[in-house]
Protein backbone atom coordinates (compact mmCIF):
# COMPACT_ATOMS: atom_id res chain seq x y z
CA MET A 1 115.56 78.51 120.54
CA ASP A 2 117.07 78.27 117.12
CA GLY A 3 118.28 81.89 116.80
CA SER A 4 115.24 83.13 115.13
CA THR A 5 114.24 86.47 115.19
CA LEU A 6 110.36 86.61 115.78
CA THR A 7 108.32 89.64 116.07
CA TYR A 8 104.70 90.18 116.44
CA ASP A 9 102.63 93.67 116.54
CA LEU A 10 100.19 94.29 119.46
CA TYR A 11 97.23 96.61 118.99
CA GLN A 12 95.20 97.66 122.21
CA PRO A 13 91.45 98.04 122.27
CA LEU A 14 90.33 101.62 120.91
CA ILE A 15 87.15 101.56 123.21
CA THR A 16 87.18 100.74 127.19
CA THR A 17 83.55 99.78 127.60
CA VAL A 18 84.03 96.12 127.19
CA GLU A 19 84.26 94.26 130.61
CA ASP A 20 86.04 91.24 129.24
CA ASP A 21 90.15 91.31 128.76
CA ILE A 22 90.21 89.55 125.38
CA THR A 23 93.28 89.25 123.14
CA VAL A 24 92.91 88.04 119.44
CA ALA A 25 95.86 86.13 118.59
CA ILE A 26 96.11 86.36 114.62
CA CYS A 27 98.20 83.87 112.30
CA PRO A 28 98.18 85.56 108.83
CA GLY A 29 98.45 83.70 105.66
CA ILE A 30 101.21 82.45 103.72
CA GLY A 31 104.02 85.33 103.05
CA ASN A 32 101.72 87.78 104.94
CA SER A 33 102.33 89.86 108.14
CA SER A 34 100.66 92.77 110.18
CA GLU A 35 101.43 94.89 107.15
CA SER A 36 98.83 92.81 104.92
CA VAL A 37 95.77 94.95 104.09
CA TYR A 38 93.24 92.23 105.06
CA ILE A 39 94.96 91.91 108.35
CA ARG A 40 95.17 95.65 109.21
CA THR A 41 91.51 95.99 108.16
CA PHE A 42 90.27 93.39 110.48
CA VAL A 43 92.64 94.48 113.29
CA HIS A 44 91.27 97.92 113.22
CA TYR A 45 87.56 96.59 113.03
CA ALA A 46 88.29 94.21 116.10
CA GLN A 47 89.98 97.05 118.11
CA CYS A 48 86.84 99.16 117.51
CA HIS A 49 84.86 96.60 119.34
CA GLY A 50 87.15 96.24 122.32
CA TYR A 51 89.55 93.47 121.59
CA ARG A 52 93.19 93.57 121.91
CA CYS A 53 95.02 91.91 118.86
CA ALA A 54 98.26 90.40 118.44
CA VAL A 55 99.41 89.55 114.73
CA LEU A 56 102.29 87.06 114.14
CA ASN A 57 104.80 88.23 111.55
CA HIS A 58 106.09 85.12 109.64
CA ILE A 59 109.75 84.94 109.71
CA GLY A 60 111.15 86.51 106.68
CA VAL A 61 108.29 88.30 105.37
CA LEU A 62 108.95 91.86 106.71
CA ASP A 63 111.69 93.69 105.02
CA SER A 64 112.58 95.50 108.37
CA VAL A 65 113.56 92.36 110.26
CA GLN A 66 116.59 90.28 109.26
CA VAL A 67 116.32 86.61 109.15
CA THR A 68 118.89 85.36 111.86
CA SER A 69 118.52 81.59 111.79
CA THR A 70 118.61 79.17 108.84
CA ARG A 71 114.74 79.11 108.29
CA ILE A 72 111.69 80.87 107.43
CA PHE A 73 108.01 80.14 108.28
CA THR A 74 106.47 76.92 107.03
CA TYR A 75 103.12 75.26 106.58
CA GLY A 76 103.15 73.16 109.70
CA HIS A 77 105.57 74.49 112.21
CA THR A 78 103.40 76.03 115.10
CA ASP A 79 106.73 77.01 117.25
CA ASP A 80 106.47 80.71 116.23
CA TYR A 81 102.68 81.16 116.99
CA ALA A 82 103.43 79.21 120.51
CA ALA A 83 106.03 81.51 121.24
CA MET A 84 103.90 84.43 120.49
CA ILE A 85 101.22 83.22 122.77
CA ASN A 86 103.60 82.71 125.58
CA SER A 87 104.86 86.20 125.23
CA LEU A 88 101.51 87.63 125.15
CA LEU A 89 100.47 85.54 128.37
CA LYS A 90 103.47 87.06 130.13
CA LYS A 91 102.47 90.45 129.48
CA TYR A 92 98.74 89.85 130.13
CA PRO A 93 98.50 86.56 132.45
CA THR A 94 94.69 87.08 133.13
CA THR A 95 93.66 87.69 129.42
CA ASN A 96 91.35 85.12 127.53
CA VAL A 97 92.68 84.48 124.18
CA VAL A 98 90.93 83.57 120.88
CA SER A 99 93.12 82.33 118.21
CA VAL A 100 92.29 83.34 114.52
CA GLY A 101 94.08 82.23 111.54
CA PHE A 102 93.73 83.07 107.82
CA SER A 103 94.56 80.45 105.23
CA LEU A 104 97.84 79.07 106.10
CA GLY A 105 97.28 80.58 109.39
CA GLY A 106 93.91 78.58 109.78
CA ASN A 107 96.06 75.41 109.45
CA LEU A 108 98.83 76.63 111.70
CA ILE A 109 96.23 77.76 114.75
CA SER A 110 94.26 74.41 114.19
CA LYS A 111 97.38 72.24 114.20
CA TYR A 112 98.66 74.26 117.39
CA LEU A 113 95.41 73.54 119.24
CA GLY A 114 95.25 69.98 118.37
CA GLU A 115 98.99 69.15 119.09
CA ALA A 116 99.34 69.00 122.93
CA LYS A 117 97.86 70.58 125.96
CA ARG A 118 97.66 74.53 125.47
CA PRO A 119 97.26 77.28 128.02
CA SER A 120 93.88 77.35 129.53
CA ASN A 121 93.53 81.05 128.62
CA ILE A 122 92.74 80.26 125.12
CA ILE A 123 89.11 79.84 125.08
CA GLY A 124 88.78 79.07 121.35
CA GLY A 125 89.75 79.57 117.70
CA VAL A 126 88.34 80.74 114.37
CA SER A 127 89.85 79.30 111.18
CA ILE A 128 89.26 81.17 107.74
CA CYS A 129 89.85 79.45 104.19
CA GLN A 130 92.40 76.88 105.02
CA GLY A 131 92.82 73.61 102.98
CA TYR A 132 93.16 71.30 105.97
CA ASN A 133 95.08 68.71 103.99
CA ALA A 134 98.29 69.73 102.14
CA VAL A 135 98.83 66.32 100.31
CA ASN A 136 95.44 66.26 98.63
CA ALA A 137 95.24 70.28 98.27
CA THR A 138 98.71 70.05 96.32
CA GLN A 139 97.52 67.39 93.94
CA TRP A 140 94.37 69.64 93.07
CA LEU A 141 96.44 72.72 92.67
CA LEU A 142 98.71 70.97 90.17
CA LYS A 143 95.94 70.72 87.70
CA TRP A 144 95.60 73.33 85.07
CA GLN A 145 91.92 74.00 84.82
CA ASN A 146 90.36 77.04 86.40
CA PHE A 147 93.61 78.85 87.01
CA HIS A 148 94.68 76.49 89.91
CA ARG A 149 98.08 76.19 88.45
CA PHE A 150 98.44 79.89 87.95
CA TYR A 151 97.34 80.44 91.85
CA LEU A 152 99.94 77.75 92.79
CA TYR A 153 102.71 79.59 90.77
CA VAL A 154 101.94 82.85 92.46
CA LEU A 155 102.29 81.12 96.12
CA THR A 156 105.52 79.42 94.85
CA GLU A 157 106.99 82.85 93.64
CA ASN A 158 106.06 84.36 96.86
CA VAL A 159 107.73 82.09 99.18
CA LYS A 160 110.60 81.81 96.51
CA SER A 161 111.09 85.54 96.82
CA ILE A 162 111.41 85.45 100.62
CA ILE A 163 114.15 82.84 100.46
CA MET A 164 116.19 84.67 97.80
CA LYS A 165 115.48 88.03 99.80
CA HIS A 166 117.55 86.36 102.67
CA ARG A 167 119.92 84.09 100.63
CA HIS A 168 122.81 85.37 102.40
CA VAL A 169 121.61 83.63 105.48
CA LEU A 170 119.32 80.74 104.20
CA LEU A 171 121.62 79.74 101.17
CA SER A 172 125.12 80.27 102.76
CA ASP A 173 127.85 77.75 101.64
CA ASP A 174 127.44 76.13 104.96
CA ILE A 175 123.75 75.78 104.96
CA LYS A 176 123.70 74.41 101.55
CA GLN A 177 126.52 71.86 102.36
CA ARG A 178 124.71 70.83 105.54
CA HIS A 179 121.28 70.31 103.89
CA GLN A 180 122.25 69.28 100.39
CA LEU A 181 120.70 72.42 98.84
CA ASN A 182 121.18 73.13 95.17
CA GLU A 183 120.57 76.91 94.75
CA ARG A 184 119.64 76.64 90.99
CA ASP A 185 116.93 73.91 91.89
CA ILE A 186 115.41 76.40 94.31
CA ALA A 187 115.60 79.19 91.72
CA ALA A 188 114.08 76.85 88.92
CA ALA A 189 111.13 75.65 91.14
CA ALA A 190 107.86 76.31 89.46
CA THR A 191 105.58 74.61 92.04
CA LEU A 192 105.10 74.67 95.74
CA PRO A 193 106.25 70.88 95.77
CA GLU A 194 109.39 71.53 93.63
CA LEU A 195 110.33 74.21 95.96
CA ASP A 196 109.40 72.14 99.12
CA GLU A 197 111.75 69.23 97.55
CA ALA A 198 114.43 71.51 96.74
CA TYR A 199 114.42 73.51 99.88
CA THR A 200 111.70 73.19 102.69
CA ARG A 201 111.84 69.45 103.47
CA ARG A 202 115.64 69.37 103.58
CA VAL A 203 116.04 72.19 105.81
CA HIS A 204 113.54 70.65 108.27
CA GLN A 205 114.77 67.07 107.76
CA PHE A 206 111.86 65.27 106.21
CA PRO A 207 112.41 62.18 103.96
CA THR A 208 109.87 63.13 101.53
CA VAL A 209 107.59 66.12 100.55
CA LYS A 210 104.54 63.90 101.37
CA ASP A 211 105.73 63.04 104.60
CA MET A 212 106.22 66.91 105.47
CA TYR A 213 102.72 67.77 104.02
CA SER A 214 101.12 64.86 106.04
CA TRP A 215 102.86 66.00 109.23
CA SER A 216 101.59 69.56 108.40
CA SER A 217 98.17 69.08 107.61
CA SER A 218 95.72 70.31 110.27
CA ILE A 219 93.07 67.48 109.52
CA ASN A 220 95.41 64.89 111.27
CA TYR A 221 95.19 66.99 114.54
CA LEU A 222 91.48 68.27 114.90
CA ALA A 223 90.31 65.43 116.86
CA ASN A 224 92.68 66.55 119.76
CA ILE A 225 91.21 69.97 119.87
CA LYS A 226 89.59 70.75 123.32
CA ARG A 227 88.15 74.06 122.58
CA PRO A 228 85.33 75.52 120.59
CA MET A 229 86.50 76.02 116.88
CA VAL A 230 84.74 77.65 114.10
CA PHE A 231 86.05 76.70 110.56
CA VAL A 232 84.92 79.08 107.66
CA ASN A 233 85.13 78.11 103.87
CA ALA A 234 83.89 79.43 100.75
CA ARG A 235 82.87 76.78 98.01
CA ASP A 236 84.32 78.86 95.10
CA ASP A 237 87.74 79.26 96.91
CA PRO A 238 90.32 78.70 94.13
CA LEU A 239 92.77 77.26 96.28
CA VAL A 240 90.76 75.16 98.54
CA PRO A 241 88.60 72.44 96.31
CA GLU A 242 85.20 71.31 97.73
CA MET A 243 86.46 67.75 98.21
CA LEU A 244 88.85 68.91 100.90
CA LEU A 245 85.96 70.39 102.99
CA GLU A 246 84.36 67.06 103.52
CA PRO A 247 86.34 65.86 106.29
CA VAL A 248 85.95 69.02 108.20
CA LYS A 249 82.18 69.04 107.57
CA GLN A 250 82.05 65.70 109.04
CA PHE A 251 84.42 66.39 111.92
CA ALA A 252 82.28 69.62 112.79
CA ALA A 253 79.06 67.39 112.72
CA ASN A 254 80.47 65.08 115.25
CA HIS A 255 81.89 67.37 117.69
CA ASN A 256 79.52 69.67 119.54
CA GLN A 257 82.14 72.36 120.28
CA SER A 258 82.80 72.70 116.56
CA LEU A 259 81.12 74.90 113.92
CA TYR A 260 81.63 74.71 110.21
CA ILE A 261 80.26 77.75 107.91
CA GLU A 262 80.36 77.39 104.26
CA LEU A 263 79.55 80.26 101.93
CA GLN A 264 78.62 80.07 98.27
CA ASN A 265 80.80 82.99 97.36
CA GLY A 266 83.95 84.49 98.91
CA GLY A 267 86.83 83.16 97.05
CA HIS A 268 90.12 82.90 99.02
CA LEU A 269 89.85 85.59 101.73
CA GLY A 270 87.73 87.52 99.39
CA PHE A 271 84.33 88.38 101.11
CA TYR A 272 84.01 91.68 99.90
CA GLU A 273 80.86 93.74 99.90
CA GLY A 274 80.00 96.64 97.55
CA GLY A 275 79.10 100.26 97.58
CA LEU A 276 78.12 101.30 94.12
CA ILE A 277 81.72 101.54 92.66
CA TYR A 278 84.08 100.35 95.28
CA PRO A 279 83.92 97.59 97.90
CA ASN A 280 83.51 98.40 101.42
CA PRO A 281 86.62 98.51 103.22
CA VAL A 282 85.11 96.36 105.96
CA THR A 283 84.20 93.24 104.55
CA TRP A 284 81.32 90.41 105.75
CA LEU A 285 84.26 88.32 106.89
CA ASP A 286 85.68 91.33 109.23
CA ARG A 287 82.04 91.56 110.86
CA ALA A 288 81.53 87.89 111.03
CA LEU A 289 84.68 87.27 112.71
CA VAL A 290 84.07 89.77 115.16
CA SER A 291 80.55 88.33 115.78
CA LEU A 292 82.05 84.74 116.15
CA ILE A 293 84.68 86.04 118.80
CA GLY A 294 81.86 87.54 120.74
CA GLY A 295 80.09 84.21 120.63
CA ILE A 296 83.17 82.16 121.75
CA VAL A 297 83.55 84.87 124.56
CA MET A 298 79.68 84.62 125.65
CA SER A 299 79.79 80.85 125.65
CA HIS A 300 82.97 80.94 127.59
CA ASN A 301 81.31 83.12 130.16
CA ASP A 302 78.26 81.35 130.24
CA LEU A 303 80.16 77.94 131.08
CA LEU A 304 82.08 79.78 133.99
CA VAL A 305 78.73 80.85 135.37
CA ALA A 306 77.22 77.46 135.14
CA LYS A 307 80.31 75.84 136.81
CA GLN A 308 80.24 78.77 139.53
CA THR A 309 76.34 77.94 140.22
CA ALA A 310 76.95 74.21 140.24
CA GLN A 311 79.62 74.54 142.82
CA ALA A 312 77.58 76.76 145.07
CA SER A 313 74.86 74.39 144.83
CA SER A 314 77.02 71.70 146.12
CA MET A 315 78.36 73.50 148.63
CA ALA A 316 74.94 74.50 150.07
CA ILE A 317 73.99 70.81 150.07
């Protein structure tokens, strides 16, 4: 490909009583990896229910893995996730795959499934807390009320720190000259649009940030998804305003293979439940995800049985 070093972590099921061979292919949120606490919690819970899990490590995030090309992860490029899926299917050619994406990862898996024909092993997907439309989401996050600008600042600093951590590769003199990068502008960026103007859209050769955001947004690809999809969002998510949820609500209402679940509370990936003092380590979201994955698997198996029955009936006639 482009010389990137891509890694993913693979976790085998902890029980062997489950008949189906299911791999949950996980795409974490922005700047996250298999080492992120919410990912580790969900993976262990899924393992305990008989599922194999694979977690994509976004390029540039892990300190132990050097960046070997001139890029890191982005909001809309699905090549890394596709490479993980292809690698998994080489290892386990008969496994069925359920795609699961958190936040940015939800956008990526939705876009991936809607871009082109994908392996038939993928039987469905679950997206959690994505924003669907990067153009509109950014306009919302630039507002100051309700700490939106603060959350945007935190995200920006997270991505910026990854770029600066690998500056010897990403900001070499050759790369800066080739893509017309100004390191001072990158370091001074206070918002994601500023950082994407100074760095991301130039490296990926988009004429404008808006063009890149439009190309990256999963809302423009949902209609092409041919598999069961579940979309989960919270109304009080500080990163995803309610106005961004209307298009996916309408999509799910008009597509019988799609389900939209909206919670009153939960914030951004914060579906915690409490004991008396500390929240339970396994959240409502972890349990709901495992149930949703089980539902996708059951639906797939029922469909196979129905097809086999129909074929047997036609042969008998």
